[in-house]
Amino acid sequence: MTERRDMEKKWSKEKYLVMYHSQAHYEKIREALKGDCTPVQLDQLINEAKQTPPTAGSRTNAFQHMWGYFKKTATPEEREEYSRLQQNGSGQNERERLAFIRSLAEKYNVQYLLDSTVLR
């Protein structure tokens, strides 16, 4: 595997966790990867993002992006649960929201999300 491919693979696993912590870092990393970003720089940016305390907005944004994988195939009950979790998007609710997305990823076999570090 090439260095570039390794970096893209790492980013695919880390991107929702980065988004969960910091939309600004998410955008910064996307831009860096369009240029001559090195593996060391990528690791530094990812680690910086992980050190950034997530906000209610960043958590909700990541939750909405992950929900996008299921919104067309989800059952009415799953849509209702999504709405409930979306409305109650407090910090205490985060484990429940992430567990819900993980259960959907398992049910609908969305490997991309199952491989994501945010769901571990």
Protein backbone atom coordinates (compact mmCIF):
# COMPACT_ATOMS: atom_id res chain seq x y z
CA MET A 1 0.00 0.00 0.00
CA THR A 2 1.20 3.45 -0.73
CA GLU A 3 1.68 6.11 1.91
CA ARG A 4 -1.17 8.11 0.38
CA ARG A 5 -3.52 5.15 0.49
CA ASP A 6 -2.61 4.48 4.12
CA MET A 7 -3.44 8.08 4.96
CA GLU A 8 -6.80 7.88 3.20
CA LYS A 9 -7.60 4.65 5.02
CA LYS A 10 -6.71 6.24 8.35
CA TRP A 11 -8.84 9.29 7.54
CA SER A 12 -11.81 7.09 6.63
CA LYS A 13 -11.63 5.50 10.08
CA GLU A 14 -11.09 8.76 11.98
CA LYS A 15 -13.24 11.27 10.09
CA TYR A 16 -16.45 10.93 12.11
CA LEU A 17 -14.56 11.08 15.40
CA VAL A 18 -12.80 14.22 14.19
CA MET A 19 -16.15 15.68 13.08
CA TYR A 20 -17.62 14.73 16.47
CA HIS A 21 -14.94 16.79 18.21
CA SER A 22 -14.32 19.67 15.83
CA GLN A 23 -15.83 20.70 12.52
CA ALA A 24 -12.94 23.14 12.08
CA HIS A 25 -10.38 20.31 12.30
CA TYR A 26 -12.49 18.19 9.97
CA GLU A 27 -12.33 20.95 7.33
CA LYS A 28 -8.63 21.58 7.99
CA ILE A 29 -7.81 17.90 7.46
CA ARG A 30 -9.90 17.68 4.28
CA GLU A 31 -7.98 20.67 2.89
CA ALA A 32 -4.62 19.26 4.02
CA LEU A 33 -5.34 15.97 2.26
CA LYS A 34 -5.97 17.82 -1.00
CA GLY A 35 -2.38 19.07 -0.81
CA ASP A 36 0.93 17.58 0.25
CA CYS A 37 -0.07 16.43 3.72
CA THR A 38 2.32 13.93 5.29
CA PRO A 39 1.33 11.04 7.58
CA VAL A 40 2.91 12.89 10.51
CA GLN A 41 0.88 16.03 9.76
CA LEU A 42 -2.31 13.97 9.44
CA ASP A 43 -1.66 12.31 12.80
CA GLN A 44 -0.99 15.69 14.42
CA LEU A 45 -4.23 17.17 13.08
CA ILE A 46 -6.26 14.13 14.13
CA ASN A 47 -4.73 14.20 17.62
CA GLU A 48 -5.41 17.94 17.92
CA ALA A 49 -9.04 17.33 16.99
CA LYS A 50 -9.38 14.55 19.58
CA GLN A 51 -8.08 16.94 22.25
CA THR A 52 -10.78 19.47 21.37
CA PRO A 53 -13.80 19.10 23.65
CA PRO A 54 -16.87 18.32 21.51
CA THR A 55 -19.69 20.83 21.50
CA ALA A 56 -23.38 20.04 21.33
CA GLY A 57 -23.28 21.26 17.73
CA SER A 58 -20.30 19.13 16.68
CA ARG A 59 -21.82 16.01 18.27
CA THR A 60 -25.17 16.64 16.58
CA ASN A 61 -23.50 17.29 13.23
CA ALA A 62 -21.62 13.98 13.37
CA PHE A 63 -24.80 12.17 14.47
CA GLN A 64 -26.71 13.64 11.51
CA HIS A 65 -23.98 12.69 9.04
CA MET A 66 -23.92 9.10 10.29
CA TRP A 67 -27.74 8.93 10.24
CA GLY A 68 -27.52 9.77 6.54
CA TYR A 69 -26.49 6.17 5.87
CA PHE A 70 -29.88 4.94 7.14
CA LYS A 71 -32.47 7.64 6.56
CA LYS A 72 -33.83 6.00 3.39
CA THR A 73 -33.85 2.42 4.70
CA ALA A 74 -34.76 2.96 8.36
CA THR A 75 -38.04 1.63 9.67
CA PRO A 76 -40.66 4.06 11.00
CA GLU A 77 -39.65 3.00 14.54
CA GLU A 78 -35.99 3.73 13.81
CA ARG A 79 -36.91 7.14 12.37
CA GLU A 80 -38.92 7.88 15.50
CA GLU A 81 -35.99 6.86 17.71
CA TYR A 82 -33.65 9.04 15.65
CA SER A 83 -36.00 12.00 16.15
CA ARG A 84 -36.19 11.36 19.87
CA LEU A 85 -32.41 11.13 20.19
CA GLN A 86 -31.94 14.19 18.00
CA GLN A 87 -34.27 16.27 20.17
CA ASN A 88 -32.63 15.09 23.39
CA GLY A 89 -29.10 15.74 22.15
CA SER A 90 -27.49 16.47 25.48
CA GLY A 91 -24.09 15.25 26.59
CA GLN A 92 -25.67 12.57 28.80
CA ASN A 93 -27.44 11.20 25.76
CA GLU A 94 -24.28 10.73 23.66
CA ARG A 95 -23.63 7.10 24.51
CA GLU A 96 -27.21 6.28 23.62
CA ARG A 97 -26.97 8.14 20.29
CA LEU A 98 -23.72 6.42 19.35
CA ALA A 99 -25.06 3.02 20.44
CA PHE A 100 -28.13 3.62 18.26
CA ILE A 101 -25.98 4.42 15.21
CA ARG A 102 -23.79 1.38 15.92
CA SER A 103 -26.87 -0.88 16.15
CA LEU A 104 -28.10 0.43 12.80
CA ALA A 105 -24.65 -0.01 11.23
CA GLU A 106 -24.67 -3.62 12.42
CA LYS A 107 -28.26 -4.25 11.29
CA TYR A 108 -27.75 -2.72 7.84
CA ASN A 109 -24.14 -3.91 7.57
CA VAL A 110 -22.57 -0.51 6.95
CA GLN A 111 -18.94 -1.53 7.23
CA TYR A 112 -17.66 2.00 6.71
CA LEU A 113 -19.33 3.10 9.94
CA LEU A 114 -18.48 -0.11 11.78
CA ASP A 115 -14.81 0.60 11.03
CA SER A 116 -15.13 4.16 12.34
CA THR A 117 -13.32 4.94 15.59
CA VAL A 118 -16.26 7.07 16.80
CA LEU A 119 -18.35 3.91 17.27
CA ARG A 120 -15.75 2.01 19.28
